[in-house]
Amino acid sequence: MSLWGRIFAAGYDHFMSGPEGATLRPHRETLIPQASGRVLEIGGGTGVNLPFYGPEVETLTLTEPETPMVRRLQRRLGEQGNDAELVLAPAEDLPFEDESFDVAVSTLVLCTVEDQPRALRELRRVLKPDGRLLFIEHVRSDDPGLARWQDRLNVLQLRIGHGCNCNRPTLDGISSAGFTVTRLERDELRKAPPIVRPLVVGVAQADAEPGEAHPG
């Protein structure tokens, strides 16, 4: 792990405090309690979603590929007395059998995974038929002018954001991986640089078969 990776993990909650309070926390409060049954969260980070999981969750499994983040996540789990399973693994290579989970959760993760299509295919694989993906992600802007700036500055964003891309068309990726978006809210990540402000919050349902449209 690079020195910047350790610094990034140590300072993540601090430098995200502005966007968290202004935008992200209200969305977490509304979205995460919708999780139920066997739940998988990828890229658990520092565990900011943990307080919002409700009693409908039977089991909670968290994956995280970054060792410095895992240490912080372990501490938060201990502080909260949470018995969630924590697995050191990337989203592109999930060590679970097919159709293992009812719900998957991704919040500010699909911007950073090295191979987004592969990560989404893995999520589709481990979800049961008609399983749900709950997501909060910043995405490529629909505004052509801002999208051009996202493209120009993405190299800088990748370095500052420790692999975070600001110009990914994530909604298209979700649909291409075998999901149908059933609920969608667009917002702006306030108190964040303009290139990372376009935000999507929603629920996607796994198609009956990968690549097929979900009926209804």
C-alpha atoms as a PDB file:
ATOM      1  CA  MET A   1       0.000   0.000   0.000  1.00  0.00           C
ATOM      2  CA  SER A   2       1.351   3.439  -0.967  1.00  0.00           C
ATOM      3  CA  LEU A   3       2.008   6.209   1.504  1.00  0.00           C
ATOM      4  CA  TRP A   4      -0.770   8.241  -0.142  1.00  0.00           C
ATOM      5  CA  GLY A   5      -3.134   5.307   0.339  1.00  0.00           C
ATOM      6  CA  ARG A   6      -2.471   5.318   4.079  1.00  0.00           C
ATOM      7  CA  ILE A   7      -2.845   9.117   4.262  1.00  0.00           C
ATOM      8  CA  PHE A   8      -6.051   8.960   2.211  1.00  0.00           C
ATOM      9  CA  ALA A   9      -7.584   6.377   4.545  1.00  0.00           C
ATOM     10  CA  ALA A  10      -6.566   8.307   7.649  1.00  0.00           C
ATOM     11  CA  GLY A  11      -8.059  11.563   6.405  1.00  0.00           C
ATOM     12  CA  TYR A  12     -11.086  10.258   4.511  1.00  0.00           C
ATOM     13  CA  ASP A  13     -13.764  10.981   7.102  1.00  0.00           C
ATOM     14  CA  HIS A  14     -12.336  14.445   7.753  1.00  0.00           C
ATOM     15  CA  PHE A  15     -12.165  15.692   4.181  1.00  0.00           C
ATOM     16  CA  MET A  16     -15.545  14.129   3.351  1.00  0.00           C
ATOM     17  CA  SER A  17     -17.251  15.740   6.356  1.00  0.00           C
ATOM     18  CA  GLY A  18     -18.598  18.685   4.330  1.00  0.00           C
ATOM     19  CA  PRO A  19     -20.225  16.642   1.520  1.00  0.00           C
ATOM     20  CA  GLU A  20     -21.318  14.041   4.063  1.00  0.00           C
ATOM     21  CA  GLY A  21     -23.293  16.487   6.170  1.00  0.00           C
ATOM     22  CA  ALA A  22     -24.615  18.542   3.263  1.00  0.00           C
ATOM     23  CA  THR A  23     -25.688  15.743   0.928  1.00  0.00           C
ATOM     24  CA  LEU A  24     -24.666  12.165   1.626  1.00  0.00           C
ATOM     25  CA  ARG A  25     -25.999  11.534   5.120  1.00  0.00           C
ATOM     26  CA  PRO A  26     -29.645  12.336   4.243  1.00  0.00           C
ATOM     27  CA  HIS A  27     -29.433   9.956   1.291  1.00  0.00           C
ATOM     28  CA  ARG A  28     -27.891   7.224   3.444  1.00  0.00           C
ATOM     29  CA  GLU A  29     -30.663   7.685   6.019  1.00  0.00           C
ATOM     30  CA  THR A  30     -33.278   7.072   3.322  1.00  0.00           C
ATOM     31  CA  LEU A  31     -31.585   4.437   1.160  1.00  0.00           C
ATOM     32  CA  ILE A  32     -29.627   2.092   3.427  1.00  0.00           C
ATOM     33  CA  PRO A  33     -32.589   1.076   5.675  1.00  0.00           C
ATOM     34  CA  GLN A  34     -34.168  -0.451   2.545  1.00  0.00           C
ATOM     35  CA  ALA A  35     -31.612  -3.270   2.732  1.00  0.00           C
ATOM     36  CA  SER A  36     -33.001  -6.589   3.953  1.00  0.00           C
ATOM     37  CA  GLY A  37     -32.139 -10.263   4.120  1.00  0.00           C
ATOM     38  CA  ARG A  38     -28.572 -11.252   3.291  1.00  0.00           C
ATOM     39  CA  VAL A  39     -26.752  -8.014   2.449  1.00  0.00           C
ATOM     40  CA  LEU A  40     -23.393  -7.384   0.788  1.00  0.00           C
ATOM     41  CA  GLU A  41     -21.727  -3.972   0.872  1.00  0.00           C
ATOM     42  CA  ILE A  42     -18.728  -3.501  -1.405  1.00  0.00           C
ATOM     43  CA  GLY A  43     -16.003  -0.991  -0.589  1.00  0.00           C
ATOM     44  CA  GLY A  44     -17.058  -0.622   3.040  1.00  0.00           C
ATOM     45  CA  GLY A  45     -14.407   2.060   3.579  1.00  0.00           C
ATOM     46  CA  THR A  46     -14.554   3.524   7.071  1.00  0.00           C
ATOM     47  CA  GLY A  47     -18.016   2.097   7.761  1.00  0.00           C
ATOM     48  CA  VAL A  48     -20.126   5.233   7.363  1.00  0.00           C
ATOM     49  CA  ASN A  49     -23.156   3.178   6.254  1.00  0.00           C
ATOM     50  CA  LEU A  50     -23.177   0.953   9.333  1.00  0.00           C
ATOM     51  CA  PRO A  51     -25.506   3.046  11.541  1.00  0.00           C
ATOM     52  CA  PHE A  52     -28.238   2.993   8.905  1.00  0.00           C
ATOM     53  CA  TYR A  53     -28.771  -0.741   8.456  1.00  0.00           C
ATOM     54  CA  GLY A  54     -32.072  -1.769   9.991  1.00  0.00           C
ATOM     55  CA  PRO A  55     -33.537  -4.838  11.674  1.00  0.00           C
ATOM     56  CA  GLU A  56     -34.580  -6.376   8.355  1.00  0.00           C
ATOM     57  CA  VAL A  57     -30.918  -7.249   7.669  1.00  0.00           C
ATOM     58  CA  GLU A  58     -30.323 -10.926   8.505  1.00  0.00           C
ATOM     59  CA  THR A  59     -26.594 -10.970   7.728  1.00  0.00           C
ATOM     60  CA  LEU A  60     -24.226  -8.196   6.646  1.00  0.00           C
ATOM     61  CA  THR A  61     -21.019  -8.859   4.725  1.00  0.00           C
ATOM     62  CA  LEU A  62     -18.585  -6.034   4.000  1.00  0.00           C
ATOM     63  CA  THR A  63     -15.790  -6.182   1.443  1.00  0.00           C
ATOM     64  CA  GLU A  64     -12.901  -3.724   1.270  1.00  0.00           C
ATOM     65  CA  PRO A  65      -9.730  -4.053  -0.840  1.00  0.00           C
ATOM     66  CA  GLU A  66      -7.571  -1.464   0.984  1.00  0.00           C
ATOM     67  CA  THR A  67      -5.784  -2.629   4.131  1.00  0.00           C
ATOM     68  CA  PRO A  68      -5.669   0.838   5.785  1.00  0.00           C
ATOM     69  CA  MET A  69      -9.424   1.155   5.278  1.00  0.00           C
ATOM     70  CA  VAL A  70      -9.959  -2.354   6.651  1.00  0.00           C
ATOM     71  CA  ARG A  71      -8.243  -1.374   9.893  1.00  0.00           C
ATOM     72  CA  ARG A  72     -10.556   1.606  10.344  1.00  0.00           C
ATOM     73  CA  LEU A  73     -13.571  -0.483   9.435  1.00  0.00           C
ATOM     74  CA  GLN A  74     -12.584  -3.120  11.992  1.00  0.00           C
ATOM     75  CA  ARG A  75     -12.368  -0.452  14.684  1.00  0.00           C
ATOM     76  CA  ARG A  76     -15.795   0.938  13.824  1.00  0.00           C
ATOM     77  CA  LEU A  77     -17.350  -2.515  13.849  1.00  0.00           C
ATOM     78  CA  GLY A  78     -15.843  -3.115  17.282  1.00  0.00           C
ATOM     79  CA  GLU A  79     -17.048   0.222  18.639  1.00  0.00           C
ATOM     80  CA  GLN A  80     -20.594  -0.496  17.476  1.00  0.00           C
ATOM     81  CA  GLY A  81     -20.610  -4.129  18.527  1.00  0.00           C
ATOM     82  CA  ASN A  82     -21.564  -5.051  14.977  1.00  0.00           C
ATOM     83  CA  ASP A  83     -21.086  -8.719  14.051  1.00  0.00           C
ATOM     84  CA  ALA A  84     -20.854  -8.108  10.302  1.00  0.00           C
ATOM     85  CA  GLU A  85     -18.426 -10.277   8.346  1.00  0.00           C
ATOM     86  CA  LEU A  86     -15.480  -8.304   6.933  1.00  0.00           C
ATOM     87  CA  VAL A  87     -13.676  -9.664   3.862  1.00  0.00           C
ATOM     88  CA  LEU A  88     -10.528  -8.222   2.296  1.00  0.00           C
ATOM     89  CA  ALA A  89     -11.425  -8.425  -1.403  1.00  0.00           C
ATOM     90  CA  PRO A  90     -11.886  -6.215  -4.475  1.00  0.00           C
ATOM     91  CA  ALA A  91     -15.315  -5.783  -6.014  1.00  0.00           C
ATOM     92  CA  GLU A  92     -14.007  -7.270  -9.256  1.00  0.00           C
ATOM     93  CA  ASP A  93     -13.290 -10.637  -7.612  1.00  0.00           C
ATOM     94  CA  LEU A  94     -15.876 -11.380  -4.941  1.00  0.00           C
ATOM     95  CA  PRO A  95     -15.170 -14.640  -3.069  1.00  0.00           C
ATOM     96  CA  PHE A  96     -18.820 -15.691  -2.824  1.00  0.00           C
ATOM     97  CA  GLU A  97     -20.961 -18.261  -4.566  1.00  0.00           C
ATOM     98  CA  ASP A  98     -23.552 -17.312  -7.163  1.00  0.00           C
ATOM     99  CA  GLU A  99     -26.873 -15.988  -5.833  1.00  0.00           C
ATOM    100  CA  SER A 100     -25.597 -15.583  -2.263  1.00  0.00           C
ATOM    101  CA  PHE A 101     -27.205 -12.236  -1.390  1.00  0.00           C
ATOM    102  CA  ASP A 102     -30.580 -10.511  -1.480  1.00  0.00           C
ATOM    103  CA  VAL A 103     -29.221  -6.949  -1.584  1.00  0.00           C
ATOM    104  CA  ALA A 104     -25.939  -5.319  -2.584  1.00  0.00           C
ATOM    105  CA  VAL A 105     -24.904  -1.817  -1.503  1.00  0.00           C
ATOM    106  CA  SER A 106     -22.439   0.489  -3.258  1.00  0.00           C
ATOM    107  CA  THR A 107     -21.836   4.045  -2.059  1.00  0.00           C
ATOM    108  CA  LEU A 108     -19.061   6.063  -3.719  1.00  0.00           C
ATOM    109  CA  VAL A 109     -17.353   2.872  -4.845  1.00  0.00           C
ATOM    110  CA  LEU A 110     -18.105   2.381  -8.550  1.00  0.00           C
ATOM    111  CA  CYS A 111     -16.124   5.535  -9.311  1.00  0.00           C
ATOM    112  CA  THR A 112     -12.972   3.925  -7.907  1.00  0.00           C
ATOM    113  CA  VAL A 113     -13.026   0.235  -8.809  1.00  0.00           C
ATOM    114  CA  GLU A 114     -10.356  -0.513 -11.402  1.00  0.00           C
ATOM    115  CA  ASP A 115     -12.721  -2.386 -13.711  1.00  0.00           C
ATOM    116  CA  GLN A 116     -16.277  -1.121 -13.300  1.00  0.00           C
ATOM    117  CA  PRO A 117     -17.957  -3.498 -15.799  1.00  0.00           C
ATOM    118  CA  ARG A 118     -16.346  -6.496 -14.119  1.00  0.00           C
ATOM    119  CA  ALA A 119     -17.312  -5.266 -10.637  1.00  0.00           C
ATOM    120  CA  LEU A 120     -20.926  -4.833 -11.709  1.00  0.00           C
ATOM    121  CA  ARG A 121     -20.982  -8.277 -13.316  1.00  0.00           C
ATOM    122  CA  GLU A 122     -19.706  -9.711 -10.035  1.00  0.00           C
ATOM    123  CA  LEU A 123     -22.478  -7.951  -8.138  1.00  0.00           C
ATOM    124  CA  ARG A 124     -25.029  -9.341 -10.570  1.00  0.00           C
ATOM    125  CA  ARG A 125     -23.533 -12.814 -10.160  1.00  0.00           C
ATOM    126  CA  VAL A 126     -23.684 -12.918  -6.361  1.00  0.00           C
ATOM    127  CA  LEU A 127     -27.202 -11.481  -6.158  1.00  0.00           C
ATOM    128  CA  LYS A 128     -30.207 -13.769  -6.111  1.00  0.00           C
ATOM    129  CA  PRO A 129     -32.704 -13.524  -9.005  1.00  0.00           C
ATOM    130  CA  ASP A 130     -34.538 -10.211  -8.585  1.00  0.00           C
ATOM    131  CA  GLY A 131     -32.007  -9.112  -5.958  1.00  0.00           C
ATOM    132  CA  ARG A 132     -31.494  -5.386  -5.522  1.00  0.00           C
ATOM    133  CA  LEU A 133     -28.534  -3.031  -5.805  1.00  0.00           C
ATOM    134  CA  LEU A 134     -28.749   0.120  -3.654  1.00  0.00           C
ATOM    135  CA  PHE A 135     -26.377   2.824  -4.858  1.00  0.00           C
ATOM    136  CA  ILE A 136     -25.136   6.351  -4.198  1.00  0.00           C
ATOM    137  CA  GLU A 137     -22.541   7.321  -6.794  1.00  0.00           C
ATOM    138  CA  HIS A 138     -21.101  10.450  -8.341  1.00  0.00           C
ATOM    139  CA  VAL A 139     -21.123  10.230 -12.127  1.00  0.00           C
ATOM    140  CA  ARG A 140     -20.361  11.846 -15.455  1.00  0.00           C
ATOM    141  CA  SER A 141     -22.393  15.006 -15.930  1.00  0.00           C
ATOM    142  CA  ASP A 142     -25.225  15.241 -18.444  1.00  0.00           C
ATOM    143  CA  ASP A 143     -24.078  18.793 -19.098  1.00  0.00           C
ATOM    144  CA  PRO A 144     -21.624  18.665 -22.055  1.00  0.00           C
ATOM    145  CA  GLY A 145     -19.551  21.553 -20.751  1.00  0.00           C
ATOM    146  CA  LEU A 146     -19.030  20.056 -17.310  1.00  0.00           C
ATOM    147  CA  ALA A 147     -18.446  16.608 -18.817  1.00  0.00           C
ATOM    148  CA  ARG A 148     -15.594  18.027 -20.899  1.00  0.00           C
ATOM    149  CA  TRP A 149     -14.001  19.439 -17.742  1.00  0.00           C
ATOM    150  CA  GLN A 150     -14.432  16.088 -16.039  1.00  0.00           C
ATOM    151  CA  ASP A 151     -12.543  14.449 -18.908  1.00  0.00           C
ATOM    152  CA  ARG A 152      -9.774  17.042 -18.808  1.00  0.00           C
ATOM    153  CA  LEU A 153      -9.281  16.870 -15.052  1.00  0.00           C
ATOM    154  CA  ASN A 154      -9.810  13.159 -14.500  1.00  0.00           C
ATOM    155  CA  VAL A 155      -6.067  12.427 -14.439  1.00  0.00           C
ATOM    156  CA  LEU A 156      -5.689  14.899 -11.577  1.00  0.00           C
ATOM    157  CA  GLN A 157      -8.784  13.548  -9.846  1.00  0.00           C
ATOM    158  CA  LEU A 158      -7.389  10.014 -10.039  1.00  0.00           C
ATOM    159  CA  ARG A 159      -4.296  11.072  -8.112  1.00  0.00           C
ATOM    160  CA  ILE A 160      -5.977  13.258  -5.541  1.00  0.00           C
ATOM    161  CA  GLY A 161      -8.891  10.860  -5.055  1.00  0.00           C
ATOM    162  CA  HIS A 162      -6.742   7.718  -4.808  1.00  0.00           C
ATOM    163  CA  GLY A 163      -8.147   6.127  -7.953  1.00  0.00           C
ATOM    164  CA  CYS A 164     -11.480   7.940  -8.020  1.00  0.00           C
ATOM    165  CA  ASN A 165     -12.770   8.749 -11.520  1.00  0.00           C
ATOM    166  CA  CYS A 166     -15.046  11.764 -11.962  1.00  0.00           C
ATOM    167  CA  ASN A 167     -16.322  10.959 -15.466  1.00  0.00           C
ATOM    168  CA  ARG A 168     -17.791   7.467 -15.401  1.00  0.00           C
ATOM    169  CA  PRO A 169     -21.281   6.933 -16.929  1.00  0.00           C
ATOM    170  CA  THR A 170     -22.174   4.612 -14.069  1.00  0.00           C
ATOM    171  CA  LEU A 171     -25.910   4.380 -14.758  1.00  0.00           C
ATOM    172  CA  ASP A 172     -25.170   2.996 -18.219  1.00  0.00           C
ATOM    173  CA  GLY A 173     -22.789   0.518 -16.628  1.00  0.00           C
ATOM    174  CA  ILE A 174     -25.421  -0.675 -14.164  1.00  0.00           C
ATOM    175  CA  SER A 175     -27.917  -1.276 -16.965  1.00  0.00           C
ATOM    176  CA  SER A 176     -25.350  -3.060 -19.136  1.00  0.00           C
ATOM    177  CA  ALA A 177     -24.473  -5.452 -16.301  1.00  0.00           C
ATOM    178  CA  GLY A 178     -27.979  -6.917 -16.118  1.00  0.00           C
ATOM    179  CA  PHE A 179     -29.864  -4.524 -13.856  1.00  0.00           C
ATOM    180  CA  THR A 180     -32.967  -2.405 -14.335  1.00  0.00           C
ATOM    181  CA  VAL A 181     -32.971   0.890 -12.438  1.00  0.00           C
ATOM    182  CA  THR A 182     -36.327   1.053 -10.662  1.00  0.00           C
ATOM    183  CA  ARG A 183     -35.793   4.172  -8.547  1.00  0.00           C
ATOM    184  CA  LEU A 184     -33.549   7.102  -9.326  1.00  0.00           C
ATOM    185  CA  GLU A 185     -32.881  10.493  -7.783  1.00  0.00           C
ATOM    186  CA  ARG A 186     -30.390  12.984  -9.153  1.00  0.00           C
ATOM    187  CA  ASP A 187     -28.655  15.412  -6.849  1.00  0.00           C
ATOM    188  CA  GLU A 188     -25.464  17.425  -6.423  1.00  0.00           C
ATOM    189  CA  LEU A 189     -22.682  16.570  -4.001  1.00  0.00           C
ATOM    190  CA  ARG A 190     -22.601  19.902  -2.246  1.00  0.00           C
ATOM    191  CA  LYS A 191     -19.389  21.200  -0.655  1.00  0.00           C
ATOM    192  CA  ALA A 192     -17.397  19.205  -3.225  1.00  0.00           C
ATOM    193  CA  PRO A 193     -15.487  20.304  -6.361  1.00  0.00           C
ATOM    194  CA  PRO A 194     -17.765  20.799  -9.394  1.00  0.00           C
ATOM    195  CA  ILE A 195     -16.296  17.843 -11.304  1.00  0.00           C
ATOM    196  CA  VAL A 196     -17.531  15.384  -8.663  1.00  0.00           C
ATOM    197  CA  ARG A 197     -20.882  16.993  -7.877  1.00  0.00           C
ATOM    198  CA  PRO A 198     -23.270  15.110 -10.232  1.00  0.00           C
ATOM    199  CA  LEU A 199     -24.802  12.433  -8.006  1.00  0.00           C
ATOM    200  CA  VAL A 200     -27.219   9.566  -8.567  1.00  0.00           C
ATOM    201  CA  VAL A 201     -29.059   7.730  -5.797  1.00  0.00           C
ATOM    202  CA  GLY A 202     -31.233   4.763  -6.506  1.00  0.00           C
ATOM    203  CA  VAL A 203     -32.251   1.136  -6.582  1.00  0.00           C
ATOM    204  CA  ALA A 204     -31.594  -1.315  -9.401  1.00  0.00           C
ATOM    205  CA  GLN A 205     -33.159  -4.744  -9.651  1.00  0.00           C
ATOM    206  CA  ALA A 206     -31.266  -7.696 -11.047  1.00  0.00           C
ATOM    207  CA  ASP A 207     -32.824  -8.918 -14.258  1.00  0.00           C
ATOM    208  CA  ALA A 208     -34.268 -12.420 -14.255  1.00  0.00           C
ATOM    209  CA  GLU A 209     -31.343 -13.471 -16.423  1.00  0.00           C
ATOM    210  CA  PRO A 210     -28.187 -11.404 -17.089  1.00  0.00           C
ATOM    211  CA  GLY A 211     -28.778  -9.157 -20.061  1.00  0.00           C
ATOM    212  CA  GLU A 212     -32.573  -9.550 -20.017  1.00  0.00           C
ATOM    213  CA  ALA A 213     -34.925  -6.703 -19.221  1.00  0.00           C
ATOM    214  CA  HIS A 214     -36.850  -7.160 -15.980  1.00  0.00           C
ATOM    215  CA  PRO A 215     -40.581  -7.590 -16.712  1.00  0.00           C
ATOM    216  CA  GLY A 216     -42.839  -4.754 -15.695  1.00  0.00           C
END
